[in-house]
């Protein structure tokens, strides 16, 4: 295997930049993003690999966001956020909040 290269991948929707690690593997290419363990890809060309990594990263971020959103909704329905809401309202009533 050849030396591992790094390439920056910018996601305009999430406004994040991640580092892809890519490497020639025989006649093809492999790549991954360490911060997102689900993002691992293999393609025949470097260009195809980068496109696949970008697409897989986007789909992973979308899935993670949907899972987070679903969990937040579930927590709200089951009352797990009630104490936080009560504390926020108390802070607002006593003037411990600032306008953003």
Protein backbone atom coordinates (compact mmCIF):
# COMPACT_ATOMS: atom_id res chain seq x y z
CA UNK A 1 0.00 0.00 0.00
CA UNK A 2 1.05 3.54 -0.68
CA UNK A 3 1.29 6.45 1.72
CA UNK A 4 -1.95 7.75 3.23
CA UNK A 5 -3.01 11.14 1.87
CA UNK A 6 -5.42 13.59 3.48
CA UNK A 7 -8.04 15.56 1.62
CA UNK A 8 -10.44 18.14 3.03
CA UNK A 9 -14.13 17.57 2.30
CA UNK A 10 -16.45 20.54 2.82
CA UNK A 11 -20.16 19.96 3.37
CA UNK A 12 -22.00 23.15 2.39
CA UNK A 13 -25.30 22.13 3.97
CA UNK A 14 -23.81 21.46 7.41
CA UNK A 15 -20.99 23.99 6.90
CA UNK A 16 -18.40 21.52 8.16
CA UNK A 17 -15.02 20.47 6.88
CA UNK A 18 -13.82 16.93 7.51
CA UNK A 19 -10.52 15.27 6.70
CA UNK A 20 -10.68 12.23 4.47
CA UNK A 21 -7.80 9.78 4.59
CA UNK A 22 -7.26 8.11 1.25
CA UNK A 23 -4.82 5.50 0.06
CA UNK A 24 -4.13 3.53 -3.08
CA UNK A 25 -4.95 -0.12 -2.51
CA UNK A 26 -3.73 -2.33 -5.33
CA UNK A 27 -5.56 -1.17 -8.44
CA UNK A 28 -8.17 0.78 -6.47
CA UNK A 29 -8.51 3.34 -3.71
CA UNK A 30 -9.77 3.18 -0.12
CA UNK A 31 -10.80 6.07 2.09
CA UNK A 32 -12.28 6.91 5.45
CA UNK A 33 -13.09 9.78 7.78
CA UNK A 34 -11.87 9.12 11.31
CA UNK A 35 -14.42 11.39 13.02
CA UNK A 36 -17.24 9.41 11.39
CA UNK A 37 -16.46 5.68 11.70
CA UNK A 38 -19.40 4.76 9.45
CA UNK A 39 -17.74 6.57 6.53
CA UNK A 40 -15.46 4.03 4.85
CA UNK A 41 -15.41 3.59 1.09
CA UNK A 42 -13.59 1.84 -1.72
CA UNK A 43 -13.57 2.80 -5.41
CA UNK A 44 -11.54 2.17 -8.54
CA UNK A 45 -10.37 5.78 -9.02
CA UNK A 46 -9.37 8.56 -6.67
CA UNK A 47 -12.01 10.88 -8.14
CA UNK A 48 -14.78 8.29 -7.67
CA UNK A 49 -13.57 7.63 -4.12
CA UNK A 50 -13.74 11.31 -3.16
CA UNK A 51 -17.25 11.59 -4.62
CA UNK A 52 -18.37 8.47 -2.75
CA UNK A 53 -16.79 9.67 0.51
CA UNK A 54 -18.58 13.02 0.18
CA UNK A 55 -21.91 11.33 -0.55
CA UNK A 56 -21.49 8.80 2.27
CA UNK A 57 -20.51 11.55 4.70
CA UNK A 58 -23.61 13.56 3.79
CA UNK A 59 -25.89 10.53 4.20
CA UNK A 60 -24.25 9.70 7.54
CA UNK A 61 -24.69 13.25 8.83
CA UNK A 62 -28.33 13.21 7.70
CA UNK A 63 -28.99 9.88 9.44
CA UNK A 64 -27.27 11.08 12.62
CA UNK A 65 -29.27 14.31 12.58
CA UNK A 66 -32.55 12.44 12.08
CA UNK A 67 -31.70 10.05 14.93
CA UNK A 68 -30.81 12.99 17.20
CA UNK A 69 -34.02 14.81 16.26
CA UNK A 70 -36.11 11.69 16.89
CA UNK A 71 -34.46 11.18 20.30
CA UNK A 72 -35.06 14.81 21.24
CA UNK A 73 -38.73 14.51 20.31
CA UNK A 74 -39.03 11.29 22.32
CA UNK A 75 -37.35 12.93 25.32
CA UNK A 76 -39.76 15.85 25.11
CA UNK A 77 -42.80 13.54 24.90
CA UNK A 78 -41.71 11.49 27.90
CA UNK A 79 -40.99 14.55 30.05
CA UNK A 80 -37.22 14.12 30.22
CA UNK A 81 -36.78 17.80 29.30
CA UNK A 82 -39.35 19.19 31.72
CA UNK A 83 -36.83 20.09 34.43
CA UNK A 84 -34.69 21.96 31.90
CA UNK A 85 -37.74 23.87 30.67
CA UNK A 86 -38.76 24.72 34.24
CA UNK A 87 -35.24 25.96 35.02
CA UNK A 88 -35.22 28.11 31.87
CA UNK A 89 -38.60 29.63 32.75
CA UNK A 90 -37.42 30.33 36.30
CA UNK A 91 -34.28 32.01 34.94
CA UNK A 92 -36.45 34.11 32.63
CA UNK A 93 -38.83 35.13 35.45
CA UNK A 94 -35.96 36.14 37.75
CA UNK A 95 -34.11 38.11 35.07
CA UNK A 96 -31.14 35.77 34.71
CA UNK A 97 -31.44 35.72 30.92
CA UNK A 98 -29.90 37.98 28.30
CA UNK A 99 -31.24 38.86 24.88
CA UNK A 100 -29.19 37.26 22.15
